[in-house]
Amino acid sequence: MLVWRDVGTLADIPPRGSIRVGTPAGPVAVFRTGADDVFALVDRCPHKGGPLSHGIVHDARVTCPLHNWVIELATGEAVAPDHGCAQVVVVRLEGARVLLAVTE
């Protein structure tokens, strides 16, 4: 069953940063851009499984800390010349609260 899980406020996520949230399906990285847009991906780079939550957020992308793969936050797609995709997790803002769609 899909449920919306409150994972905190927008202020809990550093600008151009992320938080790591545990879910029944595994860890999810919730990102905040400099424009206060919020995105979420399974916290695993499609290249070698690096923790995307430790990466550098720039524009609407994150750079994996292990091998510098750049991942689009909205789609999870690696930026060329790299190929691969991180799994997107649905996230939304409700006022200042960040809600993550999780399967329980």
N, C-alpha and C. Protein backbone atom coordinates (compact mmCIF):
# COMPACT_ATOMS: atom_id res chain seq x y z
N MET A 1 0.84 -1.17 0.00
CA MET A 1 0.00 0.00 0.00
C MET A 1 0.89 1.24 0.00
N LEU A 2 0.56 2.22 -0.85
CA LEU A 2 1.31 3.46 -0.95
C LEU A 2 0.78 4.45 0.08
N VAL A 3 1.69 5.02 0.87
CA VAL A 3 1.31 6.02 1.87
C VAL A 3 2.27 7.20 1.76
N TRP A 4 1.79 8.36 2.22
CA TRP A 4 2.63 9.55 2.27
C TRP A 4 3.26 9.64 3.65
N ARG A 5 4.58 9.65 3.70
CA ARG A 5 5.30 9.71 4.96
C ARG A 5 5.91 11.10 5.12
N ASP A 6 5.63 11.74 6.23
CA ASP A 6 6.20 13.04 6.54
C ASP A 6 7.66 12.82 6.97
N VAL A 7 8.58 13.46 6.26
CA VAL A 7 10.00 13.28 6.58
C VAL A 7 10.64 14.55 7.14
N GLY A 8 9.81 15.55 7.44
CA GLY A 8 10.33 16.78 8.05
C GLY A 8 9.91 18.01 7.28
N THR A 9 10.61 19.09 7.55
CA THR A 9 10.30 20.35 6.88
C THR A 9 11.34 20.64 5.81
N LEU A 10 11.00 21.56 4.94
CA LEU A 10 11.95 21.98 3.92
C LEU A 10 13.23 22.51 4.60
N ALA A 11 13.07 23.20 5.71
CA ALA A 11 14.23 23.76 6.43
C ALA A 11 15.14 22.66 7.00
N ASP A 12 14.64 21.43 7.14
CA ASP A 12 15.47 20.32 7.62
C ASP A 12 16.47 19.84 6.57
N ILE A 13 16.24 20.21 5.32
CA ILE A 13 17.13 19.82 4.23
C ILE A 13 17.98 21.04 3.88
N PRO A 14 19.30 20.92 3.95
CA PRO A 14 20.13 22.08 3.63
C PRO A 14 19.94 22.52 2.18
N PRO A 15 19.94 23.83 1.91
CA PRO A 15 19.89 24.27 0.52
C PRO A 15 21.04 23.65 -0.28
N ARG A 16 20.74 23.17 -1.47
CA ARG A 16 21.72 22.47 -2.32
C ARG A 16 22.33 21.29 -1.58
N GLY A 17 21.47 20.58 -0.82
CA GLY A 17 21.91 19.42 -0.06
C GLY A 17 20.84 18.35 -0.02
N SER A 18 20.99 17.43 0.91
CA SER A 18 20.04 16.31 1.00
C SER A 18 19.99 15.75 2.41
N ILE A 19 18.98 14.94 2.63
CA ILE A 19 18.89 14.11 3.83
C ILE A 19 18.66 12.68 3.36
N ARG A 20 19.05 11.75 4.19
CA ARG A 20 18.84 10.33 3.90
C ARG A 20 17.72 9.84 4.80
N VAL A 21 16.73 9.18 4.19
CA VAL A 21 15.56 8.70 4.90
C VAL A 21 15.48 7.18 4.74
N GLY A 22 15.31 6.47 5.84
CA GLY A 22 15.11 5.03 5.77
C GLY A 22 13.67 4.72 5.42
N THR A 23 13.46 3.79 4.51
CA THR A 23 12.12 3.33 4.15
C THR A 23 12.11 1.81 4.16
N PRO A 24 10.93 1.18 4.14
CA PRO A 24 10.89 -0.28 4.08
C PRO A 24 11.61 -0.86 2.86
N ALA A 25 11.70 -0.07 1.78
CA ALA A 25 12.37 -0.54 0.56
C ALA A 25 13.86 -0.19 0.53
N GLY A 26 14.35 0.52 1.55
CA GLY A 26 15.75 0.92 1.59
C GLY A 26 15.90 2.42 1.68
N PRO A 27 17.14 2.90 1.76
CA PRO A 27 17.38 4.33 1.94
C PRO A 27 17.01 5.17 0.71
N VAL A 28 16.46 6.34 0.98
CA VAL A 28 16.09 7.30 -0.06
C VAL A 28 16.79 8.62 0.26
N ALA A 29 17.32 9.26 -0.78
CA ALA A 29 17.92 10.58 -0.64
C ALA A 29 16.89 11.62 -1.06
N VAL A 30 16.61 12.58 -0.18
CA VAL A 30 15.67 13.67 -0.47
C VAL A 30 16.51 14.93 -0.64
N PHE A 31 16.42 15.53 -1.82
CA PHE A 31 17.27 16.66 -2.20
C PHE A 31 16.49 17.97 -2.21
N ARG A 32 17.21 19.04 -1.89
CA ARG A 32 16.67 20.40 -2.00
C ARG A 32 17.61 21.21 -2.88
N THR A 33 17.07 21.80 -3.91
CA THR A 33 17.89 22.61 -4.80
C THR A 33 18.03 24.03 -4.24
N GLY A 34 18.85 24.83 -4.89
CA GLY A 34 19.00 26.22 -4.49
C GLY A 34 17.72 27.02 -4.69
N ALA A 35 16.83 26.53 -5.56
CA ALA A 35 15.54 27.19 -5.81
C ALA A 35 14.44 26.61 -4.92
N ASP A 36 14.81 25.78 -3.94
CA ASP A 36 13.88 25.14 -3.00
C ASP A 36 12.95 24.12 -3.65
N ASP A 37 13.35 23.57 -4.79
CA ASP A 37 12.62 22.43 -5.35
C ASP A 37 13.09 21.18 -4.61
N VAL A 38 12.18 20.22 -4.47
CA VAL A 38 12.49 19.01 -3.73
C VAL A 38 12.33 17.80 -4.65
N PHE A 39 13.31 16.89 -4.58
CA PHE A 39 13.32 15.67 -5.37
C PHE A 39 13.76 14.52 -4.47
N ALA A 40 13.46 13.29 -4.88
CA ALA A 40 13.91 12.13 -4.11
C ALA A 40 14.31 11.01 -5.05
N LEU A 41 15.39 10.35 -4.72
CA LEU A 41 15.90 9.20 -5.46
C LEU A 41 16.29 8.11 -4.48
N VAL A 42 16.19 6.86 -4.92
CA VAL A 42 16.78 5.78 -4.13
C VAL A 42 18.26 6.14 -3.98
N ASP A 43 18.78 6.01 -2.77
CA ASP A 43 20.12 6.49 -2.45
C ASP A 43 21.21 5.55 -2.95
N ARG A 44 21.23 5.38 -4.28
CA ARG A 44 22.19 4.46 -4.89
C ARG A 44 22.48 4.91 -6.31
N CYS A 45 23.71 5.27 -6.58
CA CYS A 45 24.11 5.67 -7.93
C CYS A 45 24.01 4.46 -8.86
N PRO A 46 23.53 4.65 -10.09
CA PRO A 46 23.41 3.51 -11.01
C PRO A 46 24.76 2.98 -11.49
N HIS A 47 25.82 3.69 -11.24
CA HIS A 47 27.14 3.26 -11.69
C HIS A 47 27.73 2.18 -10.78
N LYS A 48 28.07 2.55 -9.57
CA LYS A 48 28.71 1.62 -8.63
C LYS A 48 28.03 1.61 -7.27
N GLY A 49 26.81 2.16 -7.20
CA GLY A 49 26.05 2.10 -5.96
C GLY A 49 26.43 3.13 -4.92
N GLY A 50 27.14 4.17 -5.32
CA GLY A 50 27.55 5.20 -4.38
C GLY A 50 26.37 5.92 -3.75
N PRO A 51 26.55 6.48 -2.54
CA PRO A 51 25.46 7.16 -1.84
C PRO A 51 25.20 8.55 -2.43
N LEU A 52 24.16 8.69 -3.21
CA LEU A 52 23.83 9.97 -3.82
C LEU A 52 23.57 11.05 -2.77
N SER A 53 23.12 10.64 -1.57
CA SER A 53 22.86 11.61 -0.51
C SER A 53 24.12 12.32 -0.05
N HIS A 54 25.29 11.81 -0.40
CA HIS A 54 26.57 12.44 -0.05
C HIS A 54 27.11 13.27 -1.20
N GLY A 55 26.36 13.34 -2.30
CA GLY A 55 26.83 14.04 -3.48
C GLY A 55 26.63 15.55 -3.40
N ILE A 56 27.11 16.23 -4.42
CA ILE A 56 27.00 17.68 -4.52
C ILE A 56 25.79 18.00 -5.39
N VAL A 57 24.86 18.81 -4.85
CA VAL A 57 23.67 19.23 -5.59
C VAL A 57 23.97 20.54 -6.30
N HIS A 58 23.69 20.55 -7.60
CA HIS A 58 23.89 21.76 -8.41
C HIS A 58 22.77 21.82 -9.43
N ASP A 59 22.14 22.99 -9.50
CA ASP A 59 20.94 23.15 -10.33
C ASP A 59 19.94 22.06 -9.93
N ALA A 60 19.48 21.25 -10.86
CA ALA A 60 18.56 20.15 -10.55
C ALA A 60 19.26 18.82 -10.80
N ARG A 61 20.52 18.75 -10.38
CA ARG A 61 21.35 17.55 -10.56
C ARG A 61 22.13 17.27 -9.29
N VAL A 62 22.60 16.02 -9.18
CA VAL A 62 23.51 15.66 -8.10
C VAL A 62 24.69 14.92 -8.72
N THR A 63 25.88 15.20 -8.20
CA THR A 63 27.08 14.50 -8.64
C THR A 63 27.45 13.47 -7.60
N CYS A 64 27.55 12.22 -8.04
CA CYS A 64 27.89 11.11 -7.13
C CYS A 64 29.29 11.33 -6.56
N PRO A 65 29.45 11.11 -5.26
CA PRO A 65 30.76 11.33 -4.63
C PRO A 65 31.82 10.30 -5.00
N LEU A 66 31.43 9.16 -5.56
CA LEU A 66 32.44 8.13 -5.85
C LEU A 66 33.17 8.35 -7.17
N HIS A 67 32.42 8.54 -8.26
CA HIS A 67 33.06 8.61 -9.57
C HIS A 67 32.56 9.77 -10.41
N ASN A 68 31.93 10.75 -9.77
CA ASN A 68 31.50 11.99 -10.42
C ASN A 68 30.46 11.83 -11.51
N TRP A 69 29.66 10.78 -11.46
CA TRP A 69 28.53 10.69 -12.38
C TRP A 69 27.53 11.78 -11.99
N VAL A 70 26.94 12.43 -12.98
CA VAL A 70 25.95 13.47 -12.75
C VAL A 70 24.57 12.87 -13.05
N ILE A 71 23.65 13.02 -12.09
CA ILE A 71 22.31 12.43 -12.18
C ILE A 71 21.28 13.55 -12.16
N GLU A 72 20.33 13.49 -13.10
CA GLU A 72 19.21 14.44 -13.13
C GLU A 72 18.27 14.10 -11.97
N LEU A 73 17.96 15.06 -11.13
CA LEU A 73 17.10 14.79 -9.97
C LEU A 73 15.66 14.48 -10.37
N ALA A 74 15.15 15.10 -11.41
CA ALA A 74 13.75 14.90 -11.80
C ALA A 74 13.50 13.53 -12.42
N THR A 75 14.50 12.98 -13.12
CA THR A 75 14.29 11.72 -13.85
C THR A 75 15.14 10.57 -13.35
N GLY A 76 16.21 10.88 -12.62
CA GLY A 76 17.14 9.85 -12.19
C GLY A 76 18.14 9.45 -13.26
N GLU A 77 18.02 10.02 -14.47
CA GLU A 77 18.88 9.66 -15.59
C GLU A 77 20.29 10.23 -15.42
N ALA A 78 21.28 9.41 -15.78
CA ALA A 78 22.66 9.89 -15.81
C ALA A 78 22.83 10.82 -17.00
N VAL A 79 23.65 11.84 -16.82
CA VAL A 79 23.94 12.80 -17.88
C VAL A 79 25.03 12.20 -18.78
N ALA A 80 24.85 12.35 -20.11
CA ALA A 80 25.82 11.83 -21.09
C ALA A 80 27.20 12.40 -20.81
N PRO A 81 28.23 11.62 -20.99
CA PRO A 81 28.27 10.39 -21.74
C PRO A 81 27.91 9.14 -20.94
N ASP A 82 27.60 9.31 -19.66
CA ASP A 82 27.26 8.15 -18.83
C ASP A 82 25.85 7.68 -19.12
N HIS A 83 25.59 6.40 -18.81
CA HIS A 83 24.27 5.81 -19.06
C HIS A 83 23.84 5.05 -17.81
N GLY A 84 22.60 5.22 -17.43
CA GLY A 84 22.04 4.53 -16.27
C GLY A 84 20.97 5.40 -15.66
N CYS A 85 20.28 4.84 -14.69
CA CYS A 85 19.17 5.58 -14.09
C CYS A 85 19.01 5.18 -12.63
N ALA A 86 18.92 6.18 -11.77
CA ALA A 86 18.59 5.97 -10.36
C ALA A 86 17.07 5.99 -10.26
N GLN A 87 16.52 5.21 -9.36
CA GLN A 87 15.07 5.13 -9.21
C GLN A 87 14.52 6.39 -8.54
N VAL A 88 13.54 7.00 -9.19
CA VAL A 88 12.88 8.19 -8.66
C VAL A 88 11.85 7.77 -7.61
N VAL A 89 11.76 8.53 -6.53
CA VAL A 89 10.74 8.34 -5.50
C VAL A 89 9.89 9.60 -5.49
N VAL A 90 8.59 9.44 -5.48
CA VAL A 90 7.69 10.59 -5.52
C VAL A 90 7.75 11.33 -4.19
N VAL A 91 7.90 12.64 -4.29
CA VAL A 91 7.99 13.51 -3.12
C VAL A 91 7.18 14.77 -3.41
N ARG A 92 6.62 15.37 -2.38
CA ARG A 92 5.87 16.61 -2.57
C ARG A 92 5.99 17.47 -1.32
N LEU A 93 5.74 18.76 -1.53
CA LEU A 93 5.67 19.70 -0.42
C LEU A 93 4.21 19.98 -0.11
N GLU A 94 3.89 19.97 1.16
CA GLU A 94 2.57 20.36 1.63
C GLU A 94 2.81 21.46 2.66
N GLY A 95 2.69 22.70 2.20
CA GLY A 95 3.14 23.81 3.03
C GLY A 95 4.65 23.71 3.12
N ALA A 96 5.18 23.69 4.32
CA ALA A 96 6.62 23.53 4.52
C ALA A 96 7.00 22.08 4.80
N ARG A 97 6.03 21.18 4.86
CA ARG A 97 6.30 19.76 5.16
C ARG A 97 6.69 19.00 3.91
N VAL A 98 7.65 18.11 4.03
CA VAL A 98 8.11 17.27 2.92
C VAL A 98 7.49 15.89 3.11
N LEU A 99 6.76 15.44 2.09
CA LEU A 99 6.09 14.14 2.14
C LEU A 99 6.68 13.22 1.07
N LEU A 100 6.98 12.01 1.47
CA LEU A 100 7.60 11.01 0.60
C LEU A 100 6.63 9.86 0.40
N ALA A 101 6.43 9.44 -0.85
CA ALA A 101 5.56 8.30 -1.14
C ALA A 101 6.34 7.01 -0.88
N VAL A 102 5.85 6.21 0.05
CA VAL A 102 6.53 4.94 0.37
C VAL A 102 5.51 3.81 0.34
N THR A 103 6.01 2.62 0.03
CA THR A 103 5.17 1.43 0.04
C THR A 103 5.37 0.72 1.37
N GLU A 104 4.27 0.44 2.05
CA GLU A 104 4.37 -0.26 3.33
C GLU A 104 3.64 -1.59 3.27
